[in-house]
Amino acid sequence: MSFTPPPAFTTRPTLEGSFGMAASTHWIATATAQAVLERGGNAFDAAVAGGFVLHVVEPHLNGPGGDLVGIFATAEDPGRPVVLMGQGPAPAGATIEHYRAQGLDLVPGSGGLAAAVPGAVDAWLVLLRDHGTCELHEILSYAVHYAREGAPLLGQAAATIRRVSGLFEEHWPTSAALWMPGGDVPAPGTIVRNPAYAAVLERLVHAGSHVRDEGPVGRAARIDAARGEWKTGLVAGAASDFLSHPHRHSTGADHAAVITAGDFAAFDAGYEDAVTAPFRGHVVAKAGAWTQGPALLEALRILEPLPDDDIDPSTERGAHTLLETIKLVLADRDAHLGDGARLDALLSERFAAERRSQLGEAAAHEWRPGHVAGAEPFRPPLRADPAALPGSQEPTISRTGATRGDTCHIDVVDRWGNIVAVTPSGGWLQSSPVIAELGFPLGTRLQMMWLDPSAPAALIPGARPRTTLTPTLVLRDGRAVMALGTPGGDQQEQWQLPALVRMLVGGYTAQQAIDAPTFHSIALVDSFWPRTWHPSGAFVEDRLGDDVIAGLERRGHSVVRAGDWALGRISAVGIDHDRGTVWAAANPRGMQGYAAGR
């Protein structure tokens, strides 16, 4: 039996050209990035411009008060994958003792107590300073335009506002003022403006206006002045002052946040070396133990030596193998990953072989972390969620603002060989009350930290939450060939895994792999409040086929049919070094992701 061939039809072509390509979760961000390329900017300029636009056009999925993880390779050093670190840490006052004293056993899913130090804006600015070529005012002009002149509200954003409208009206009046003008939930397609955020961006540009040097040194100084304004000026002061007043959280109680202006000032985004693993003649690169990225690498190490038939996601056996592998590596994620955790043993061939031997013919119904180097794994509480199976799980937003996350993503490649993937998230409109002077709220990433000092991702001041954000870079023959990523919270690695297997093993094009029916497990400890678990749940797209789905059920998976086009949000760009071309592909689900280029 051979690997299932891709269908002849794709929802759109894999775009190919020789100039530059962009792909993202929103057509306006993609068009913005491509416009920057057309004006002579490089991939990093384009990604930053598109990233700031995503704050405006997908406000229910990310915002300037959130965080990001990026991964890239430069034309000058195409074999070195570099991580862009835009995950802020827990504030100095965020101690387990303080949260326990508030009567909490988990960090809330919405409200200021869940706010890490915002990292996204500083990371975008650092990337622009070090690897871009354009001036800040040029790059921010696109986001300023849409914030001031307006952008059409997505249907999903309107649905999110409707879902939390009672919270806004009763407890978060500043959010109601911005998102429900006149007291009404805006209809999909309504042109929504955010003049306060436009003014913040203009303030960042103005901060560097005193620098007259027109060369690279002056350009860098202007961007650093904007960073300083963000960290020590209006944003830091207004956010910390506003959230210091008690306000409603997902728990139903009112709490004051602990974040201060000093926390803003102390944080610097930056770069880290990527973590890598070999897979079928390629090298796959991810961010480190403060993300869930190593879980994907562990999965690839487990799957590497298995026959192609056993890992074909379009077959009963292959889908089962991938689902069981996902359950193992996500158990290891929660047992072992956190800021500063070691990865050598977790990603070793010995550990992969041990975990591979635990793949059975039937679905496991236990939470099964591995033992790394003899250490006892952290065992989080397994909180059953009787409501976990109904619905699509994509995404889940409660009336309290708690969000079992979704996010956004952007990829760009240019004609010089620069390639970058960035997954920004957090600071979404339902995360905490809008700071009126700024036009946005802060994020809730601290909900991924435990109020248990024995956890590898324990709440510790200065430590980074173990984020779900996890873009991917793929290399071959010592050069980057592909960048990709997806929204989806705990599903991000799960959706990328079958796509990568289809491309790197089955020979699918990126668009074929993105279009192909996918699946994910919920037999994991949820990264989002209230941190629930289901022993055997699996969501599948109906297009996987009745026979495959029935086979999964016979093997013991509790299968939920999510619909034909319901799961996955992947976009990707790449370089064909042999042909001298670049390419891009985007997700058709949800009818808003797009790729562009030439």
Protein backbone atom coordinates (compact mmCIF):
# COMPACT_ATOMS: atom_id res chain seq x y z
CA MET A 1 0.00 0.00 0.00
CA SER A 2 1.39 3.41 -0.98
CA PHE A 3 0.86 6.83 0.63
CA THR A 4 -2.55 8.25 -0.28
CA PRO A 5 -2.08 10.56 -3.29
CA PRO A 6 -3.42 14.12 -3.08
CA PRO A 7 -6.67 14.92 -4.90
CA ALA A 8 -6.40 16.64 -8.27
CA PHE A 9 -8.47 19.60 -7.02
CA THR A 10 -7.23 22.24 -4.61
CA THR A 11 -9.23 25.20 -3.37
CA ARG A 12 -6.60 27.54 -4.79
CA PRO A 13 -3.21 27.10 -6.43
CA THR A 14 0.08 26.92 -4.62
CA LEU A 15 1.33 30.31 -5.81
CA GLU A 16 4.75 30.37 -7.47
CA GLY A 17 6.97 33.19 -8.66
CA SER A 18 10.40 34.69 -8.31
CA PHE A 19 9.75 38.03 -6.59
CA GLY A 20 8.17 37.50 -3.18
CA MET A 21 5.25 35.86 -1.41
CA ALA A 22 3.08 36.46 1.64
CA ALA A 23 0.41 34.34 3.32
CA SER A 24 -1.63 35.00 6.43
CA THR A 25 -4.91 34.44 8.20
CA HIS A 26 -6.44 37.66 6.83
CA TRP A 27 -6.45 38.98 3.29
CA ILE A 28 -5.70 42.57 4.31
CA ALA A 29 -2.58 41.54 6.24
CA THR A 30 -1.42 39.50 3.25
CA ALA A 31 -2.06 42.39 0.86
CA THR A 32 -0.21 44.76 3.20
CA ALA A 33 2.83 42.49 3.35
CA GLN A 34 2.87 42.11 -0.42
CA ALA A 35 2.55 45.89 -0.84
CA VAL A 36 5.67 46.36 1.27
CA LEU A 37 7.55 43.85 -0.89
CA GLU A 38 6.42 45.69 -4.02
CA ARG A 39 7.80 48.95 -2.59
CA GLY A 40 11.24 47.41 -2.13
CA GLY A 41 10.98 46.17 1.43
CA ASN A 42 12.23 42.76 2.43
CA ALA A 43 10.40 39.86 4.10
CA PHE A 44 10.95 41.26 7.59
CA ASP A 45 9.62 44.70 6.68
CA ALA A 46 6.59 43.02 5.13
CA ALA A 47 5.92 40.72 8.08
CA VAL A 48 6.06 43.60 10.57
CA ALA A 49 3.67 45.75 8.53
CA GLY A 50 1.26 42.84 8.17
CA GLY A 51 1.61 42.00 11.84
CA PHE A 52 0.52 45.44 13.01
CA VAL A 53 -2.42 45.30 10.58
CA LEU A 54 -3.50 42.00 12.16
CA HIS A 55 -4.02 43.93 15.43
CA VAL A 56 -6.72 45.93 13.67
CA VAL A 57 -8.39 43.39 11.37
CA GLU A 58 -8.38 40.37 13.71
CA PRO A 59 -8.86 42.02 17.12
CA HIS A 60 -10.62 38.94 18.53
CA LEU A 61 -7.52 36.85 17.80
CA ASN A 62 -4.60 39.11 18.72
CA GLY A 63 -3.70 42.61 19.77
CA PRO A 64 -0.82 44.92 20.72
CA GLY A 65 -1.25 43.88 24.35
CA GLY A 66 -0.42 40.28 23.46
CA ASP A 67 2.64 38.25 22.52
CA LEU A 68 4.25 36.45 19.60
CA VAL A 69 6.70 33.77 18.57
CA GLY A 70 8.54 33.98 15.26
CA ILE A 71 11.12 31.89 13.45
CA PHE A 72 13.20 32.92 10.45
CA ALA A 73 16.33 32.54 8.38
CA THR A 74 18.15 35.33 6.59
CA ALA A 75 19.51 35.40 3.06
CA GLU A 76 22.99 35.90 4.52
CA ASP A 77 22.76 32.83 6.78
CA PRO A 78 20.09 30.57 5.26
CA GLY A 79 21.05 27.52 7.29
CA ARG A 80 20.63 29.10 10.72
CA PRO A 81 17.07 29.11 12.06
CA VAL A 82 16.54 31.96 14.56
CA VAL A 83 13.65 32.38 16.99
CA LEU A 84 12.06 35.79 17.50
CA MET A 85 11.15 35.86 21.20
CA GLY A 86 8.13 38.06 21.85
CA GLN A 87 6.76 36.34 24.94
CA GLY A 88 6.74 38.60 27.96
CA PRO A 89 7.23 37.10 31.43
CA ALA A 90 5.10 37.04 34.54
CA PRO A 91 5.17 40.42 36.33
CA ALA A 92 7.25 40.87 39.45
CA GLY A 93 4.12 40.76 41.61
CA ALA A 94 2.74 37.58 40.03
CA THR A 95 3.49 35.10 42.80
CA ILE A 96 1.68 31.88 43.59
CA GLU A 97 1.14 33.17 47.12
CA HIS A 98 -0.64 36.30 45.89
CA TYR A 99 -2.97 34.36 43.59
CA ARG A 100 -3.72 31.76 46.26
CA ALA A 101 -4.51 34.59 48.67
CA GLN A 102 -7.10 35.77 46.13
CA GLY A 103 -8.87 32.42 46.56
CA LEU A 104 -7.67 31.07 43.22
CA ASP A 105 -6.51 27.58 42.33
CA LEU A 106 -5.84 28.50 38.69
CA VAL A 107 -4.76 31.70 36.98
CA PRO A 108 -7.99 33.16 35.52
CA GLY A 109 -8.75 32.95 31.81
CA SER A 110 -9.72 36.61 31.47
CA GLY A 111 -8.92 39.78 33.38
CA GLY A 112 -5.74 41.59 34.34
CA LEU A 113 -4.43 38.96 36.77
CA ALA A 114 -3.77 36.77 33.73
CA ALA A 115 -1.65 39.43 31.95
CA ALA A 116 1.95 38.67 31.16
CA VAL A 117 4.14 41.60 30.15
CA PRO A 118 3.10 42.40 26.55
CA GLY A 119 5.79 41.23 24.17
CA ALA A 120 4.39 41.48 20.65
CA VAL A 121 5.01 45.15 19.86
CA ASP A 122 8.58 45.16 21.16
CA ALA A 123 9.33 41.98 19.21
CA TRP A 124 7.95 43.42 15.97
CA LEU A 125 10.06 46.56 16.48
CA VAL A 126 13.22 44.58 17.27
CA LEU A 127 12.76 42.49 14.12
CA LEU A 128 12.25 45.63 12.04
CA ARG A 129 15.30 47.33 13.54
CA ASP A 130 17.69 44.42 13.09
CA HIS A 131 16.53 42.80 9.86
CA GLY A 132 14.24 45.22 8.06
CA THR A 133 15.16 48.10 5.79
CA CYS A 134 12.16 50.45 5.91
CA GLU A 135 11.46 53.37 8.19
CA LEU A 136 9.02 52.88 11.05
CA HIS A 137 6.53 55.44 9.76
CA GLU A 138 6.29 53.57 6.47
CA ILE A 139 5.68 50.23 8.15
CA LEU A 140 3.09 51.50 10.63
CA SER A 141 1.23 53.59 8.06
CA TYR A 142 -0.88 50.60 6.98
CA ALA A 143 -2.12 49.81 10.50
CA VAL A 144 -2.66 53.52 11.19
CA HIS A 145 -4.80 53.74 8.06
CA TYR A 146 -7.06 50.83 9.01
CA ALA A 147 -7.29 51.88 12.65
CA ARG A 148 -8.28 55.42 11.72
CA GLU A 149 -10.29 54.86 8.52
CA GLY A 150 -11.75 51.49 9.53
CA ALA A 151 -11.73 47.87 8.46
CA PRO A 152 -14.67 45.49 7.89
CA LEU A 153 -15.54 43.48 10.99
CA LEU A 154 -15.21 39.75 10.47
CA GLY A 155 -18.23 37.58 11.18
CA GLN A 156 -16.27 35.67 13.81
CA ALA A 157 -15.30 38.94 15.51
CA ALA A 158 -18.93 40.05 15.57
CA ALA A 159 -19.92 36.69 17.06
CA THR A 160 -17.24 37.10 19.73
CA ILE A 161 -18.52 40.54 20.69
CA ARG A 162 -22.06 39.20 20.88
CA ARG A 163 -20.90 36.33 23.09
CA VAL A 164 -19.31 38.67 25.64
CA SER A 165 -21.72 41.59 25.23
CA GLY A 166 -23.23 41.06 28.68
CA LEU A 167 -19.77 41.15 30.27
CA PHE A 168 -18.97 44.35 28.40
CA GLU A 169 -22.22 46.07 29.37
CA GLU A 170 -22.19 45.02 33.04
CA HIS A 171 -18.50 44.99 33.95
CA TRP A 172 -16.22 46.26 31.17
CA PRO A 173 -17.72 49.58 30.03
CA THR A 174 -14.58 50.69 28.20
CA SER A 175 -14.81 47.57 26.03
CA ALA A 176 -18.49 48.23 25.38
CA ALA A 177 -17.68 51.80 24.33
CA LEU A 178 -15.19 50.61 21.71
CA TRP A 179 -16.87 47.44 20.42
CA MET A 180 -20.57 48.20 20.99
CA PRO A 181 -21.04 51.85 20.08
CA GLY A 182 -24.56 52.93 20.89
CA GLY A 183 -25.04 49.74 22.90
CA ASP A 184 -25.46 47.46 19.88
CA VAL A 185 -23.33 44.56 18.71
CA PRO A 186 -21.99 45.52 15.27
CA ALA A 187 -23.02 43.36 12.36
CA PRO A 188 -20.45 41.45 10.28
CA GLY A 189 -18.99 43.78 7.68
CA THR A 190 -19.45 46.90 9.78
CA ILE A 191 -16.56 49.31 9.26
CA VAL A 192 -14.93 49.50 12.68
CA ARG A 193 -12.45 52.21 13.65
CA ASN A 194 -10.00 52.43 16.53
CA PRO A 195 -8.67 56.00 16.62
CA ALA A 196 -7.08 55.50 20.06
CA TYR A 197 -4.82 52.74 18.71
CA ALA A 198 -4.01 54.83 15.63
CA ALA A 199 -2.85 57.58 18.01
CA VAL A 200 -0.66 55.12 19.93
CA LEU A 201 1.08 54.07 16.72
CA GLU A 202 1.56 57.69 15.67
CA ARG A 203 3.00 58.37 19.11
CA LEU A 204 5.58 55.60 18.56
CA VAL A 205 6.60 57.18 15.26
CA HIS A 206 6.81 60.64 16.81
CA ALA A 207 9.08 59.36 19.59
CA GLY A 208 11.93 59.09 17.12
CA SER A 209 11.27 62.29 15.18
CA HIS A 210 14.15 64.10 16.91
CA VAL A 211 16.68 61.72 15.30
CA ARG A 212 17.90 63.44 12.12
CA ASP A 213 20.43 60.89 10.88
CA GLU A 214 19.01 59.43 7.67
CA GLY A 215 21.35 56.42 7.61
CA PRO A 216 21.05 52.97 9.21
CA VAL A 217 22.20 54.25 12.61
CA GLY A 218 19.50 56.89 12.64
CA ARG A 219 16.88 54.42 11.49
CA ALA A 220 17.76 52.06 14.34
CA ALA A 221 17.71 54.95 16.83
CA ARG A 222 14.23 55.98 15.69
CA ILE A 223 12.94 52.45 16.20
CA ASP A 224 14.59 52.23 19.62
CA ALA A 225 12.96 55.52 20.56
CA ALA A 226 9.59 53.97 19.69
CA ARG A 227 10.44 50.96 21.85
CA GLY A 228 11.27 53.28 24.71
CA GLU A 229 7.99 55.13 24.30
CA TRP A 230 6.09 51.83 24.39
CA LYS A 231 7.87 50.57 27.51
CA THR A 232 8.15 53.73 29.58
CA GLY A 233 5.59 56.16 28.18
CA LEU A 234 1.81 56.31 27.82
CA VAL A 235 1.23 52.61 27.16
CA ALA A 236 3.00 51.27 30.25
CA GLY A 237 1.55 53.95 32.51
CA ALA A 238 -2.03 53.80 31.22
CA ALA A 239 -2.22 49.99 31.19
CA SER A 240 -0.80 49.46 34.66
CA ASP A 241 -2.84 52.27 36.21
CA PHE A 242 -6.12 51.13 34.66
CA LEU A 243 -5.75 47.45 35.55
CA SER A 244 -4.73 48.23 39.13
CA HIS A 245 -8.43 48.82 39.83
CA PRO A 246 -10.45 45.66 40.58
CA HIS A 247 -12.41 44.40 37.60
CA ARG A 248 -14.30 41.27 36.61
CA HIS A 249 -12.35 38.09 35.79
CA SER A 250 -13.40 34.75 34.29
CA THR A 251 -13.91 33.40 37.81
CA GLY A 252 -16.86 35.74 38.35
CA ALA A 253 -14.94 37.74 40.95
CA ASP A 254 -13.25 41.13 40.80
CA HIS A 255 -9.48 41.38 41.18
CA ALA A 256 -6.80 44.01 40.63
CA ALA A 257 -3.93 43.16 38.29
CA VAL A 258 -0.35 43.03 39.55
CA ILE A 259 1.40 44.32 36.41
CA THR A 260 3.24 47.65 36.82
CA ALA A 261 4.98 50.18 34.61
CA GLY A 262 8.25 48.75 35.89
CA ASP A 263 7.36 45.36 34.41
CA PHE A 264 6.95 46.98 30.99
CA ALA A 265 10.29 48.76 31.28
CA ALA A 266 12.17 45.63 32.32
CA PHE A 267 11.23 43.52 29.29
CA ASP A 268 13.21 43.29 26.05
CA ALA A 269 12.21 41.09 23.14
CA GLY A 270 15.08 39.34 21.40
CA TYR A 271 16.39 36.27 19.64
CA GLU A 272 17.19 32.68 20.56
CA ASP A 273 18.65 29.70 18.76
CA ALA A 274 16.02 27.33 17.45
CA VAL A 275 15.64 23.74 18.60
CA THR A 276 15.78 21.21 15.77
CA ALA A 277 15.10 17.59 14.89
CA PRO A 278 15.74 15.61 11.69
CA PHE A 279 12.82 14.15 9.75
CA ARG A 280 12.96 12.32 6.43
CA GLY A 281 15.88 14.25 4.96
CA HIS A 282 14.82 17.58 6.40
CA VAL A 283 15.53 19.50 9.58
CA VAL A 284 12.53 20.94 11.38
CA ALA A 285 13.16 23.97 13.63
CA LYS A 286 11.04 25.25 16.48
CA ALA A 287 11.22 27.61 19.47
CA GLY A 288 12.37 26.25 22.83
CA ALA A 289 10.90 24.79 26.01
CA TRP A 290 8.91 27.97 26.83
CA THR A 291 6.66 27.00 23.88
CA GLN A 292 4.97 23.77 22.88
CA GLY A 293 7.28 23.60 19.84
CA PRO A 294 9.46 20.74 21.18
CA ALA A 295 6.34 18.53 21.27
CA LEU A 296 6.18 18.60 17.47
CA LEU A 297 9.86 17.69 17.26
CA GLU A 298 9.31 14.78 19.64
CA ALA A 299 6.39 13.61 17.50
CA LEU A 300 8.53 13.67 14.36
CA ARG A 301 11.26 11.70 16.12
CA ILE A 302 8.70 9.07 17.12
CA LEU A 303 7.29 8.83 13.57
CA GLU A 304 10.62 9.03 11.68
CA PRO A 305 11.38 5.28 11.29
CA LEU A 306 7.80 4.04 10.88
CA PRO A 307 6.65 2.78 7.47
CA ASP A 308 4.93 5.36 5.28
CA ASP A 309 1.68 3.35 5.46
CA ASP A 310 1.63 3.67 9.24
CA ILE A 311 1.77 7.46 9.25
CA ASP A 312 -0.47 8.36 6.29
CA PRO A 313 -3.02 10.77 7.84
CA SER A 314 -5.65 9.82 5.23
CA THR A 315 -5.86 6.20 6.42
CA GLU A 316 -7.35 4.68 9.54
CA ARG A 317 -3.99 3.35 10.69
CA GLY A 318 -2.12 6.56 9.93
CA ALA A 319 -4.68 8.85 11.58
CA HIS A 320 -4.70 6.57 14.64
CA THR A 321 -0.89 6.56 14.81
CA LEU A 322 -0.72 10.35 14.61
CA LEU A 323 -3.49 10.82 17.19
CA GLU A 324 -1.79 8.46 19.64
CA THR A 325 1.57 10.13 19.05
CA ILE A 326 -0.01 13.53 19.66
CA LYS A 327 -1.42 12.32 22.98
CA LEU A 328 1.99 11.10 24.12
CA VAL A 329 3.93 14.22 23.19
CA LEU A 330 1.35 16.63 24.61
CA ALA A 331 1.43 14.70 27.87
CA ASP A 332 5.21 15.20 27.80
CA ARG A 333 4.62 18.88 27.06
CA ASP A 334 2.64 19.38 30.24
CA ALA A 335 4.85 17.11 32.32
CA HIS A 336 8.22 18.52 31.26
CA LEU A 337 8.09 21.78 29.29
CA GLY A 338 8.46 25.25 30.75
CA ASP A 339 10.81 28.22 30.70
CA GLY A 340 14.35 26.93 31.25
CA ALA A 341 13.51 23.22 30.95
CA ARG A 342 16.18 20.98 29.40
CA LEU A 343 15.37 19.30 26.08
CA ASP A 344 18.30 17.00 25.37
CA ALA A 345 16.75 13.89 26.95
CA LEU A 346 13.21 14.68 25.76
CA LEU A 347 14.34 14.90 22.13
CA SER A 348 16.81 12.01 22.26
CA GLU A 349 16.46 8.93 20.07
CA ARG A 350 16.36 6.77 23.19
CA PHE A 351 13.34 8.60 24.58
CA ALA A 352 11.64 8.61 21.16
CA ALA A 353 12.10 4.85 20.89
CA GLU A 354 10.63 4.37 24.35
CA ARG A 355 7.59 6.47 23.49
CA ARG A 356 7.26 4.78 20.07
CA SER A 357 6.99 1.42 21.81
CA GLN A 358 3.94 2.70 23.67
CA LEU A 359 1.90 3.22 20.50
CA GLY A 360 -0.82 0.58 20.54
CA GLU A 361 -3.51 -0.67 18.19
CA ALA A 362 -6.26 0.81 20.37
CA ALA A 363 -6.76 4.36 21.61
CA ALA A 364 -5.24 4.90 25.03
CA HIS A 365 -7.61 6.45 27.55
CA GLU A 366 -4.98 7.43 30.13
CA TRP A 367 -2.80 10.50 30.44
CA ARG A 368 0.67 8.99 29.91
CA PRO A 369 3.72 11.23 30.34
CA GLY A 370 7.17 9.74 29.86
CA HIS A 371 9.90 9.64 32.47
CA VAL A 372 12.85 11.77 31.37
CA ALA A 373 16.25 10.85 32.82
CA GLY A 374 14.60 9.18 35.77
CA ALA A 375 12.79 12.34 36.89
CA GLU A 376 9.20 12.04 38.04
CA PRO A 377 6.97 13.95 35.59
CA PHE A 378 4.75 16.75 36.82
CA ARG A 379 1.15 15.54 36.94
CA PRO A 380 -1.39 18.33 36.60
CA PRO A 381 -4.92 17.77 37.86
CA LEU A 382 -7.07 16.00 35.28
CA ARG A 383 -10.28 18.03 35.35
CA ALA A 384 -12.99 16.35 33.33
CA ASP A 385 -15.08 18.59 31.09
CA PRO A 386 -18.46 17.03 30.27
CA ALA A 387 -19.04 19.73 27.64
CA ALA A 388 -15.76 19.08 25.83
CA LEU A 389 -17.05 16.93 22.99
CA PRO A 390 -20.07 18.76 21.52
CA GLY A 391 -19.21 21.45 19.02
CA SER A 392 -16.20 22.13 16.86
CA GLN A 393 -13.72 23.23 19.56
CA GLU A 394 -12.55 25.95 17.17
CA PRO A 395 -12.30 28.35 19.04
CA THR A 396 -14.27 28.38 22.31
CA ILE A 397 -15.19 31.68 23.95
CA SER A 398 -17.29 31.84 27.11
CA ARG A 399 -19.50 34.69 28.27
CA THR A 400 -16.84 35.48 30.88
CA GLY A 401 -14.30 36.26 28.14
CA ALA A 402 -12.31 33.06 28.76
CA THR A 403 -11.01 31.88 25.41
CA ARG A 404 -9.71 28.44 24.53
CA GLY A 405 -7.57 30.36 22.18
CA ASP A 406 -7.30 31.04 18.61
CA THR A 407 -4.83 33.39 17.08
CA CYS A 408 -3.44 34.52 13.75
CA HIS A 409 -0.38 33.91 11.63
CA ILE A 410 1.73 35.45 8.86
CA ASP A 411 4.52 34.12 6.62
CA VAL A 412 6.67 36.05 4.14
CA VAL A 413 9.50 35.12 1.78
CA ASP A 414 11.36 37.52 -0.51
CA ARG A 415 13.45 37.34 -3.67
CA TRP A 416 16.70 37.61 -1.71
CA GLY A 417 16.01 34.47 0.31
CA ASN A 418 14.80 35.91 3.62
CA ILE A 419 11.99 33.80 5.06
CA VAL A 420 9.94 34.29 8.23
CA ALA A 421 6.90 32.85 10.02
CA VAL A 422 5.30 34.64 12.98
CA THR A 423 2.38 33.62 15.17
CA PRO A 424 1.02 36.60 17.15
CA SER A 425 -1.75 36.16 19.70
CA GLY A 426 -3.21 37.33 22.99
CA GLY A 427 -4.53 40.74 23.87
CA TRP A 428 -7.72 39.86 22.06
CA LEU A 429 -10.78 42.02 22.65
CA GLN A 430 -12.33 39.52 25.07
CA SER A 431 -9.20 39.07 27.23
CA SER A 432 -9.58 41.97 29.67
CA PRO A 433 -11.12 45.47 29.72
CA VAL A 434 -10.00 47.87 27.00
CA ILE A 435 -7.68 50.62 28.24
CA ALA A 436 -9.57 53.58 26.80
CA GLU A 437 -6.54 55.79 26.11
CA LEU A 438 -4.88 52.94 24.17
CA GLY A 439 -7.75 51.25 22.35
CA PHE A 440 -6.76 47.72 23.38
CA PRO A 441 -6.60 45.35 26.38
CA LEU A 442 -3.70 43.30 27.70
CA GLY A 443 -3.42 39.55 27.20
CA THR A 444 -4.03 36.49 29.37
CA ARG A 445 -1.01 34.25 28.73
CA LEU A 446 -0.39 33.65 32.45
CA GLN A 447 -3.35 31.24 32.42
CA MET A 448 -0.87 28.69 31.02
CA MET A 449 1.11 28.74 34.27
CA TRP A 450 0.26 26.57 37.26
CA LEU A 451 -0.21 27.68 40.86
CA ASP A 452 1.95 24.72 41.87
CA PRO A 453 5.66 25.32 42.47
CA SER A 454 6.52 21.76 41.35
CA ALA A 455 5.26 22.41 37.81
CA PRO A 456 7.81 23.10 35.05
CA ALA A 457 5.49 25.93 33.99
CA ALA A 458 4.79 27.23 37.50
CA LEU A 459 3.83 30.87 38.01
CA ILE A 460 7.14 32.53 38.88
CA PRO A 461 7.87 36.26 38.55
CA GLY A 462 10.13 36.80 35.54
CA ALA A 463 9.43 33.39 34.00
CA ARG A 464 7.76 33.09 30.62
CA PRO A 465 4.49 31.17 30.32
CA ARG A 466 4.72 27.97 28.31
CA THR A 467 2.95 29.41 25.30
CA THR A 468 0.99 27.56 22.63
CA LEU A 469 2.37 29.82 19.88
CA THR A 470 4.57 27.71 17.64
CA PRO A 471 5.57 28.59 14.05
CA THR A 472 7.81 26.21 12.13
CA LEU A 473 10.82 26.50 9.82
CA VAL A 474 11.92 23.57 7.64
CA LEU A 475 15.43 23.24 6.21
CA ARG A 476 16.94 20.91 3.61
CA ASP A 477 20.56 20.60 2.52
CA GLY A 478 21.53 23.32 4.95
CA ARG A 479 19.06 25.96 3.72
CA ALA A 480 15.60 27.07 4.80
CA VAL A 481 12.95 25.84 2.37
CA MET A 482 9.63 26.44 4.14
CA ALA A 483 8.01 28.54 6.89
CA LEU A 484 4.56 27.78 8.20
CA GLY A 485 2.21 28.04 11.14
CA THR A 486 -1.39 28.14 12.24
CA PRO A 487 -3.75 29.54 14.85
CA GLY A 488 -5.49 27.08 17.13
CA GLY A 489 -4.10 27.03 20.68
CA ASP A 490 -3.49 23.41 21.65
CA GLN A 491 -4.27 22.39 18.06
CA GLN A 492 -1.37 24.29 16.49
CA GLU A 493 1.13 21.40 16.53
CA GLN A 494 -1.65 18.90 15.94
CA TRP A 495 -2.66 20.51 12.65
CA GLN A 496 0.90 21.11 11.53
CA LEU A 497 1.90 17.47 12.10
CA PRO A 498 -0.31 15.83 9.42
CA ALA A 499 0.45 18.68 7.01
CA LEU A 500 4.20 18.19 7.44
CA VAL A 501 3.88 14.41 7.07
CA ARG A 502 1.88 14.84 3.88
CA MET A 503 4.46 17.25 2.44
CA LEU A 504 7.71 15.65 3.61
CA VAL A 505 6.65 12.01 3.27
CA GLY A 506 3.73 11.99 0.82
CA GLY A 507 5.11 14.61 -1.58
CA TYR A 508 2.07 16.89 -1.33
CA THR A 509 2.37 20.52 -2.30
CA ALA A 510 1.70 22.97 0.52
CA GLN A 511 -1.77 23.80 -0.79
CA GLN A 512 -2.64 20.12 -1.14
CA ALA A 513 -1.54 19.49 2.43
CA ILE A 514 -3.41 22.51 3.79
CA ASP A 515 -6.61 21.52 1.96
CA ALA A 516 -6.45 17.86 3.01
CA PRO A 517 -8.83 16.72 5.77
CA THR A 518 -7.31 16.94 9.20
CA PHE A 519 -7.98 16.07 12.83
CA HIS A 520 -6.89 16.72 16.39
CA SER A 521 -7.13 15.20 19.85
CA ILE A 522 -8.57 16.72 23.01
CA ALA A 523 -7.06 13.95 25.13
CA LEU A 524 -4.70 16.50 26.63
CA VAL A 525 -4.55 18.99 29.46
CA ASP A 526 -5.99 22.18 28.00
CA SER A 527 -3.59 25.11 28.06
CA PHE A 528 -6.48 27.50 28.64
CA TRP A 529 -8.58 28.10 31.74
CA PRO A 530 -10.18 26.03 33.25
CA ARG A 531 -7.46 23.55 32.16
CA THR A 532 -9.70 20.54 31.43
CA TRP A 533 -8.97 17.09 29.95
CA HIS A 534 -10.85 14.41 28.02
CA PRO A 535 -9.50 10.85 27.94
CA SER A 536 -10.20 9.92 24.31
CA GLY A 537 -11.79 12.77 22.33
CA ALA A 538 -10.82 13.23 18.69
CA PHE A 539 -12.19 15.84 16.30
CA VAL A 540 -12.07 14.98 12.61
CA GLU A 541 -13.16 16.61 9.40
CA ASP A 542 -15.90 14.60 7.71
CA ARG A 543 -13.89 14.48 4.49
CA LEU A 544 -11.56 12.00 6.19
CA GLY A 545 -14.21 9.48 5.11
CA ASP A 546 -16.78 7.22 6.73
CA ASP A 547 -14.54 4.15 6.64
CA VAL A 548 -11.60 5.89 8.30
CA ILE A 549 -13.83 7.50 10.93
CA ALA A 550 -15.57 4.20 11.71
CA GLY A 551 -12.15 2.56 12.04
CA LEU A 552 -11.04 5.20 14.53
CA GLU A 553 -14.19 4.59 16.55
CA ARG A 554 -13.54 0.84 16.57
CA ARG A 555 -10.09 1.56 17.95
CA GLY A 556 -11.62 3.42 20.89
CA HIS A 557 -11.45 7.08 19.87
CA SER A 558 -14.45 9.19 20.89
CA VAL A 559 -14.86 10.82 17.50
CA VAL A 560 -16.66 14.09 16.83
CA ARG A 561 -17.32 14.97 13.20
CA ALA A 562 -16.49 18.66 12.97
CA GLY A 563 -17.75 19.24 9.42
CA ASP A 564 -16.11 19.09 6.01
CA TRP A 565 -14.01 22.25 6.34
CA ALA A 566 -13.71 23.02 10.04
CA LEU A 567 -10.22 22.25 11.37
CA GLY A 568 -6.85 23.80 10.61
CA ARG A 569 -5.72 27.32 9.74
CA ILE A 570 -2.27 26.71 8.23
CA SER A 571 -0.52 29.11 5.90
CA ALA A 572 2.97 28.65 4.47
CA VAL A 573 5.64 30.11 2.21
CA GLY A 574 8.76 28.53 0.81
CA ILE A 575 11.77 28.58 -1.48
CA ASP A 576 12.57 26.12 -4.26
CA HIS A 577 16.33 26.64 -4.47
CA ASP A 578 16.72 24.32 -7.46
CA ARG A 579 14.21 26.22 -9.58
CA GLY A 580 14.95 29.67 -8.21
CA THR A 581 11.34 30.27 -7.22
CA VAL A 582 9.33 31.18 -4.13
CA TRP A 583 5.86 29.90 -3.29
CA ALA A 584 2.93 30.46 -0.93
CA ALA A 585 -0.23 28.67 0.18
CA ALA A 586 -3.09 29.61 2.49
CA ASN A 587 -6.03 28.10 4.33
CA PRO A 588 -9.50 28.20 2.75
CA ARG A 589 -11.39 27.38 5.96
CA GLY A 590 -13.22 30.36 7.38
CA MET A 591 -12.91 32.19 4.07
CA GLN A 592 -10.47 34.85 5.24
CA GLY A 593 -6.91 33.49 4.93
CA TYR A 594 -5.09 34.41 1.74
CA ALA A 595 -1.78 34.13 -0.07
CA ALA A 596 -0.40 36.58 -2.60
CA GLY A 597 2.78 37.07 -4.55
CA ARG A 598 4.51 36.93 -7.88
